[in-house]
Amino acid sequence: MRRLLILLAGCGVLDASPLTLDNLPLGEEARPLLLRTYVPDPGLSKEVFAHHHDADSSPKYTPKTGRDIKGRYQPIPGIPAAVAVNHGPALSYAFDTTECRLLYAWQGGFLDMFPYWGDPDRGNRRSFGYVPSLVGTVFHQASGAPPLELDGRPVAELGDPDYLGYDLDEQGVPTFRYRFGEHRFSLRVAPLDDRPFSCRLTFRSESPGRLGYRGQEETVFDRGVLVVNLRGKALSEHSGFPRKMAIDRPTAAAGETLFANYGCIACHSTDGSDGHGPSLAGLFGKERPLTGGTTVKADDAYLRESIKDPNARTAEGFPPNYMPPYPLKDKEVESLVLFIKSLRDR
């Protein structure tokens, strides 16, 4: 597992406007959001990090005396030198600038920055353990040596990886440039036609020879360009950093706070406007069209089911797997139901 002692978070966007105070930021499918940050490790094997180093523990310190004290801080699990990219719920991925490869990809959310950015009203982060948390379903993880090949030879055999940077197109979609030895390559990652648990990798090479991708059959190579349609499956579920709320009894007000804390507004509007997910305005008590041509009444039971198991029934016009399941307590679920019911007249 990769470990780190400090965390620096930045952002890459096409303009210079401030990012957001929202701890659950989302980009758009055609205009992604980039964060140059440390990213969590969803369980990658040690072989993936051939050019990384393990951090060591450090002495504990107190600002009161300006001296080290008894004990040691253990490194925080995380992956340094990564660029995390989000195309809305359709696709998120982490590109490692040390290994020059795609580390993992997930769907349904992005990063929960609360551990590092802290409470928007106070601006304080966690004093320790402040690596961002994943939100969504991981469907692809790197394993072993990089799978890219040149004339049947693994790129790892061409020399050490060297990150050269990334270019942004007019929509802000990045193309990562790097080399192995003297051979230069580039990679662009994009969603794959709204298909669940998938993405499209486009590799280019400045060297003569045929590109290949080990272990992947759905590829097309033409004139120095290799297109890989990468299809995965649900490997792990992540619901961000756990929020702690003391709820004595379910109330709409508590539900509204939960709705804000978990960033639900990023996908579900409360005023009827379009979003990544269906609007909640005026939902309760209405007939909801579902994928497959059926309908369901949006009553209490349906709302509870949709919160606890979002993929049980998918609303018409929206892809599955966009909403991760959240490990909520019964009082929290009931509070969210009450809040959604309070929107019935909007």
Protein backbone atom coordinates (compact mmCIF):
# COMPACT_ATOMS: atom_id res chain seq x y z
CA MET A 1 0.00 0.00 0.00
CA ARG A 2 1.38 3.42 -0.86
CA ARG A 3 1.84 5.74 2.06
CA LEU A 4 2.37 9.43 2.55
CA LEU A 5 3.16 11.89 5.27
CA ILE A 6 1.76 15.11 3.79
CA LEU A 7 -1.00 16.03 1.39
CA LEU A 8 -1.14 18.76 -1.21
CA ALA A 9 -4.29 19.25 -3.27
CA GLY A 10 -4.65 21.39 -6.36
CA CYS A 11 -6.93 21.65 -9.31
CA GLY A 12 -6.64 21.81 -13.06
CA VAL A 13 -9.44 23.49 -14.97
CA LEU A 14 -9.61 25.32 -18.24
CA ASP A 15 -10.21 28.74 -16.64
CA ALA A 16 -8.71 30.36 -13.57
CA SER A 17 -11.90 30.72 -11.51
CA PRO A 18 -11.93 29.26 -7.99
CA LEU A 19 -12.94 25.61 -7.83
CA THR A 20 -15.64 25.34 -5.14
CA LEU A 21 -16.21 25.12 -1.43
CA ASP A 22 -18.13 21.90 -2.04
CA ASN A 23 -16.33 18.89 -0.57
CA LEU A 24 -17.95 16.63 -3.18
CA PRO A 25 -17.05 18.36 -6.47
CA LEU A 26 -18.15 16.99 -9.82
CA GLY A 27 -17.16 17.81 -13.34
CA GLU A 28 -19.22 17.19 -16.45
CA GLU A 29 -19.01 14.42 -18.99
CA ALA A 30 -17.87 16.79 -21.76
CA ARG A 31 -15.95 19.14 -19.44
CA PRO A 32 -14.14 17.20 -16.73
CA LEU A 33 -12.69 18.35 -13.44
CA LEU A 34 -9.01 17.66 -12.69
CA LEU A 35 -7.43 17.48 -9.25
CA ARG A 36 -3.68 17.10 -8.83
CA THR A 37 -3.68 15.41 -5.46
CA TYR A 38 -2.89 12.35 -3.43
CA VAL A 39 -5.57 9.74 -4.03
CA PRO A 40 -6.76 6.83 -1.90
CA ASP A 41 -5.54 3.31 -2.58
CA PRO A 42 -8.50 0.99 -3.30
CA GLY A 43 -6.29 -2.10 -2.87
CA LEU A 44 -3.71 -2.05 -5.65
CA SER A 45 -0.94 -4.63 -5.62
CA LYS A 46 2.62 -3.63 -4.74
CA GLU A 47 3.82 -4.59 -8.24
CA VAL A 48 1.92 -1.62 -9.68
CA PHE A 49 4.23 0.80 -7.82
CA ALA A 50 7.60 -0.28 -9.19
CA HIS A 51 8.97 3.30 -9.13
CA HIS A 52 7.34 4.53 -5.92
CA HIS A 53 8.94 4.47 -2.49
CA ASP A 54 7.41 3.69 0.88
CA ALA A 55 7.32 6.54 3.37
CA ASP A 56 8.58 6.02 6.89
CA SER A 57 7.08 7.03 10.22
CA SER A 58 7.99 10.40 11.71
CA PRO A 59 8.44 11.69 15.28
CA LYS A 60 5.45 13.24 16.98
CA TYR A 61 5.68 16.98 17.54
CA THR A 62 3.98 19.56 19.72
CA PRO A 63 3.81 23.26 18.76
CA LYS A 64 3.58 24.19 22.46
CA THR A 65 7.28 23.52 23.01
CA GLY A 66 8.47 23.31 19.42
CA ARG A 67 9.97 19.90 20.16
CA ASP A 68 9.44 16.29 19.27
CA ILE A 69 7.61 14.23 21.86
CA LYS A 70 7.34 10.54 22.62
CA GLY A 71 5.81 8.40 19.89
CA ARG A 72 5.76 8.40 16.11
CA TYR A 73 3.23 9.28 13.42
CA GLN A 74 2.57 6.40 11.07
CA PRO A 75 2.32 7.22 7.34
CA ILE A 76 -1.16 7.84 5.98
CA PRO A 77 -2.30 5.42 3.25
CA GLY A 78 -2.45 7.25 -0.07
CA ILE A 79 -0.93 7.48 -3.54
CA PRO A 80 1.21 10.54 -4.32
CA ALA A 81 1.87 12.16 -7.71
CA ALA A 82 -1.55 11.37 -9.14
CA VAL A 83 -4.03 13.31 -11.28
CA ALA A 84 -7.66 12.49 -10.53
CA VAL A 85 -10.14 13.26 -13.32
CA ASN A 86 -13.93 13.34 -13.14
CA HIS A 87 -16.40 13.35 -16.06
CA GLY A 88 -19.43 13.58 -13.78
CA PRO A 89 -20.99 10.30 -12.57
CA ALA A 90 -20.15 8.70 -15.95
CA LEU A 91 -16.44 8.24 -15.19
CA SER A 92 -13.65 9.06 -12.76
CA TYR A 93 -10.09 7.82 -12.97
CA ALA A 94 -6.65 8.27 -11.41
CA PHE A 95 -3.54 8.63 -13.57
CA ASP A 96 -0.21 8.03 -11.83
CA THR A 97 2.49 10.45 -13.00
CA THR A 98 5.24 8.35 -11.41
CA GLU A 99 4.35 5.07 -13.13
CA CYS A 100 2.79 6.86 -16.16
CA ARG A 101 -0.27 4.66 -16.27
CA LEU A 102 -3.96 4.45 -15.46
CA LEU A 103 -4.23 3.29 -11.84
CA TYR A 104 -7.95 2.72 -11.47
CA ALA A 105 -11.33 3.91 -12.72
CA TRP A 106 -14.70 4.25 -11.05
CA GLN A 107 -18.26 5.37 -11.74
CA GLY A 108 -20.98 7.16 -9.79
CA GLY A 109 -19.00 9.87 -8.01
CA PHE A 110 -15.56 11.36 -7.53
CA LEU A 111 -13.56 12.29 -4.42
CA ASP A 112 -14.88 13.35 -1.04
CA MET A 113 -12.48 16.16 -0.10
CA PHE A 114 -13.87 16.70 3.41
CA PRO A 115 -10.87 15.07 5.17
CA TYR A 116 -8.54 17.61 3.54
CA TRP A 117 -10.65 20.67 2.71
CA GLY A 118 -12.59 20.49 5.97
CA ASP A 119 -15.91 22.06 6.91
CA PRO A 120 -16.77 24.80 4.36
CA ASP A 121 -17.96 27.05 7.20
CA ARG A 122 -14.79 26.63 9.24
CA GLY A 123 -12.10 25.67 6.70
CA ASN A 124 -10.37 23.17 8.96
CA ARG A 125 -9.24 19.78 7.74
CA ARG A 126 -8.60 16.67 9.79
CA SER A 127 -5.39 16.82 11.79
CA PHE A 128 -4.43 13.32 10.62
CA GLY A 129 -5.77 10.83 8.08
CA TYR A 130 -6.74 13.56 5.62
CA VAL A 131 -6.46 11.71 2.30
CA PRO A 132 -9.65 12.23 0.20
CA SER A 133 -12.15 9.36 0.13
CA LEU A 134 -13.55 7.67 -2.96
CA VAL A 135 -17.21 8.00 -3.93
CA GLY A 136 -18.65 5.46 -6.36
CA THR A 137 -17.98 1.97 -7.71
CA VAL A 138 -14.46 1.00 -8.74
CA PHE A 139 -14.65 -1.12 -11.91
CA HIS A 140 -11.02 -1.26 -13.05
CA GLN A 141 -7.73 -1.58 -11.16
CA ALA A 142 -4.20 -1.82 -12.52
CA SER A 143 -2.21 -4.96 -11.80
CA GLY A 144 1.36 -6.00 -12.51
CA ALA A 145 3.48 -4.15 -15.06
CA PRO A 146 1.94 -1.58 -17.46
CA PRO A 147 -0.14 -3.43 -20.10
CA LEU A 148 0.88 -1.20 -23.04
CA GLU A 149 3.18 -2.87 -25.59
CA LEU A 150 5.20 -1.69 -28.58
CA ASP A 151 5.74 -4.37 -31.21
CA GLY A 152 4.86 -7.00 -28.61
CA ARG A 153 7.40 -5.68 -26.12
CA PRO A 154 6.12 -4.34 -22.77
CA VAL A 155 6.81 -0.62 -22.41
CA ALA A 156 8.40 -1.29 -19.01
CA GLU A 157 11.25 -2.99 -20.89
CA LEU A 158 11.90 0.15 -22.96
CA GLY A 159 13.21 2.13 -19.97
CA ASP A 160 12.04 3.96 -16.88
CA PRO A 161 8.82 6.01 -17.09
CA ASP A 162 9.10 9.80 -17.33
CA TYR A 163 6.05 12.04 -17.05
CA LEU A 164 6.02 14.94 -19.54
CA GLY A 165 2.75 16.67 -18.60
CA TYR A 166 -0.75 16.90 -20.02
CA ASP A 167 -2.55 18.94 -22.68
CA LEU A 168 -6.17 20.11 -22.44
CA ASP A 169 -8.46 20.29 -25.44
CA GLU A 170 -11.19 22.95 -25.83
CA GLN A 171 -13.46 21.09 -23.39
CA GLY A 172 -10.68 20.62 -20.85
CA VAL A 173 -10.24 16.89 -21.52
CA PRO A 174 -6.63 15.96 -20.70
CA THR A 175 -4.20 13.97 -22.82
CA PHE A 176 -1.31 12.71 -20.69
CA ARG A 177 2.16 12.69 -22.27
CA TYR A 178 4.99 10.48 -21.04
CA ARG A 179 7.81 8.27 -22.19
CA PHE A 180 9.42 4.96 -21.40
CA GLY A 181 13.09 5.27 -22.19
CA GLU A 182 13.31 7.22 -25.45
CA HIS A 183 9.84 6.21 -26.67
CA ARG A 184 7.10 8.83 -26.27
CA PHE A 185 3.43 7.98 -25.74
CA SER A 186 0.19 9.73 -24.87
CA LEU A 187 -3.07 8.59 -23.29
CA ARG A 188 -6.57 10.07 -23.39
CA VAL A 189 -9.33 8.54 -21.24
CA ALA A 190 -13.03 9.19 -21.89
CA PRO A 191 -16.45 7.71 -21.04
CA LEU A 192 -17.70 4.99 -23.37
CA ASP A 193 -21.19 5.79 -24.71
CA ASP A 194 -22.96 5.76 -21.33
CA ARG A 195 -22.15 2.08 -20.94
CA PRO A 196 -21.86 0.92 -17.32
CA PHE A 197 -18.40 0.21 -15.92
CA SER A 198 -16.47 1.14 -19.03
CA CYS A 199 -14.16 3.74 -20.54
CA ARG A 200 -12.22 4.32 -23.75
CA LEU A 201 -8.43 4.57 -23.75
CA THR A 202 -6.73 6.20 -26.74
CA PHE A 203 -2.96 5.66 -26.91
CA ARG A 204 -0.63 7.33 -29.39
CA SER A 205 3.04 6.66 -30.05
CA GLU A 206 5.71 8.79 -31.68
CA SER A 207 7.81 5.69 -32.32
CA PRO A 208 7.32 3.38 -35.32
CA GLY A 209 5.79 0.04 -34.47
CA ARG A 210 2.49 -1.50 -33.49
CA LEU A 211 0.87 -0.69 -30.17
CA GLY A 212 -0.87 -3.40 -28.19
CA TYR A 213 -2.62 -3.71 -24.84
CA ARG A 214 -2.00 -6.90 -22.91
CA GLY A 215 -5.02 -8.93 -21.90
CA GLN A 216 -7.58 -6.76 -23.70
CA GLU A 217 -9.32 -8.09 -26.81
CA GLU A 218 -11.53 -5.10 -27.70
CA THR A 219 -8.85 -2.93 -29.31
CA VAL A 220 -8.32 -1.18 -32.66
CA PHE A 221 -4.89 -0.12 -33.93
CA ASP A 222 -4.48 2.21 -36.90
CA ARG A 223 -1.57 4.46 -37.92
CA GLY A 224 0.09 4.74 -34.55
CA VAL A 225 -3.17 5.06 -32.61
CA LEU A 226 -4.48 2.31 -30.34
CA VAL A 227 -8.08 2.51 -29.08
CA VAL A 228 -9.01 0.25 -26.17
CA ASN A 229 -12.62 -0.15 -25.04
CA LEU A 230 -12.06 -1.09 -21.43
CA ARG A 231 -14.98 -2.89 -19.80
CA GLY A 232 -14.92 -3.88 -16.16
CA LYS A 233 -17.16 -5.01 -13.35
CA ALA A 234 -18.01 -3.78 -9.88
CA LEU A 235 -14.92 -4.40 -7.74
CA SER A 236 -15.63 -2.28 -4.66
CA GLU A 237 -18.17 0.28 -3.41
CA HIS A 238 -17.19 3.57 -1.79
CA SER A 239 -19.43 6.21 -0.21
CA GLY A 240 -16.97 8.92 0.80
CA PHE A 241 -15.95 10.06 4.25
CA PRO A 242 -18.49 9.02 6.91
CA ARG A 243 -20.48 11.94 8.31
CA LYS A 244 -21.42 11.84 11.95
CA MET A 245 -24.79 13.26 12.92
CA ALA A 246 -26.60 12.82 16.19
CA ILE A 247 -30.25 12.41 15.21
CA ASP A 248 -32.63 11.88 18.12
CA ARG A 249 -35.61 11.47 15.82
CA PRO A 250 -36.11 11.70 12.06
CA THR A 251 -36.92 15.22 10.82
CA ALA A 252 -36.99 16.97 7.46
CA ALA A 253 -34.41 19.46 8.77
CA ALA A 254 -31.99 16.63 9.59
CA GLY A 255 -32.64 15.17 6.15
CA GLU A 256 -31.80 18.51 4.52
CA THR A 257 -28.49 18.58 6.40
CA LEU A 258 -27.70 15.03 5.30
CA PHE A 259 -28.66 15.96 1.74
CA ALA A 260 -26.08 18.77 1.87
CA ASN A 261 -23.36 16.79 3.67
CA TYR A 262 -23.43 13.93 1.19
CA GLY A 263 -23.50 16.26 -1.82
CA CYS A 264 -26.81 14.90 -3.13
CA ILE A 265 -27.56 18.25 -4.76
CA ALA A 266 -24.71 17.63 -7.21
CA CYS A 267 -26.97 15.15 -9.01
CA HIS A 268 -30.50 15.70 -7.68
CA SER A 269 -31.92 19.21 -7.94
CA THR A 270 -34.68 20.40 -5.62
CA ASP A 271 -36.19 22.92 -8.04
CA GLY A 272 -37.03 20.73 -11.03
CA SER A 273 -33.91 21.60 -13.04
CA ASP A 274 -32.02 18.92 -14.96
CA GLY A 275 -29.05 17.15 -13.40
CA HIS A 276 -27.04 13.94 -13.49
CA GLY A 277 -29.93 12.30 -11.63
CA PRO A 278 -33.70 12.93 -11.53
CA SER A 279 -34.93 16.04 -9.72
CA LEU A 280 -36.62 15.54 -6.35
CA ALA A 281 -38.93 18.53 -6.70
CA GLY A 282 -42.55 17.39 -6.62
CA LEU A 283 -41.50 13.75 -6.70
CA PHE A 284 -43.34 12.32 -3.72
CA GLY A 285 -46.69 10.73 -4.56
CA LYS A 286 -46.15 10.90 -8.34
CA GLU A 287 -45.88 8.02 -10.79
CA ARG A 288 -42.25 7.57 -11.80
CA PRO A 289 -41.39 6.03 -15.20
CA LEU A 290 -38.69 3.37 -14.92
CA THR A 291 -36.21 1.87 -17.35
CA GLY A 292 -37.95 -0.98 -19.15
CA GLY A 293 -41.29 0.77 -19.56
CA THR A 294 -42.83 0.21 -16.12
CA THR A 295 -43.82 2.81 -13.53
CA VAL A 296 -43.80 3.00 -9.75
CA LYS A 297 -45.47 5.32 -7.29
CA ALA A 298 -42.91 7.44 -5.45
CA ASP A 299 -44.21 6.64 -1.98
CA ASP A 300 -42.32 6.14 1.29
CA ALA A 301 -41.34 2.56 0.43
CA TYR A 302 -39.96 3.55 -2.97
CA LEU A 303 -37.93 6.41 -1.49
CA ARG A 304 -36.43 4.15 1.18
CA GLU A 305 -35.55 1.54 -1.43
CA SER A 306 -33.95 4.10 -3.73
CA ILE A 307 -31.79 5.47 -0.91
CA LYS A 308 -30.67 2.08 0.39
CA ASP A 309 -30.35 0.31 -2.99
CA PRO A 310 -30.11 2.91 -5.78
CA ASN A 311 -29.84 0.28 -8.53
CA ALA A 312 -32.92 -1.67 -7.50
CA ARG A 313 -35.00 0.32 -10.00
CA THR A 314 -33.56 2.91 -12.38
CA ALA A 315 -35.53 6.01 -13.37
CA GLU A 316 -36.21 6.30 -17.08
CA GLY A 317 -33.60 8.36 -18.93
CA PHE A 318 -30.84 7.84 -16.38
CA PRO A 319 -28.06 5.23 -16.46
CA PRO A 320 -27.63 2.72 -13.62
CA ASN A 321 -24.64 2.76 -11.24
CA TYR A 322 -24.49 6.55 -11.04
CA MET A 323 -25.47 6.65 -7.35
CA PRO A 324 -23.42 4.66 -4.83
CA PRO A 325 -25.21 3.09 -1.86
CA TYR A 326 -24.63 5.02 1.37
CA PRO A 327 -24.33 3.17 4.72
CA LEU A 328 -27.01 5.22 6.45
CA LYS A 329 -28.74 4.47 9.70
CA ASP A 330 -32.52 4.06 9.77
CA LYS A 331 -33.06 7.49 11.36
CA GLU A 332 -30.93 9.06 8.61
CA VAL A 333 -32.88 7.29 5.88
CA GLU A 334 -36.18 8.37 7.41
CA SER A 335 -34.92 11.95 7.69
CA LEU A 336 -34.03 11.98 3.99
CA VAL A 337 -37.48 10.60 3.16
CA LEU A 338 -39.09 13.39 5.17
CA PHE A 339 -36.95 16.00 3.41
CA ILE A 340 -37.87 14.66 -0.03
CA LYS A 341 -41.55 14.64 0.97
CA SER A 342 -41.21 18.30 1.96
CA LEU A 343 -40.35 19.05 -1.68
CA ARG A 344 -43.68 17.71 -2.98
CA ASP A 345 -45.10 21.20 -3.66
CA ARG A 346 -42.09 22.56 -5.55
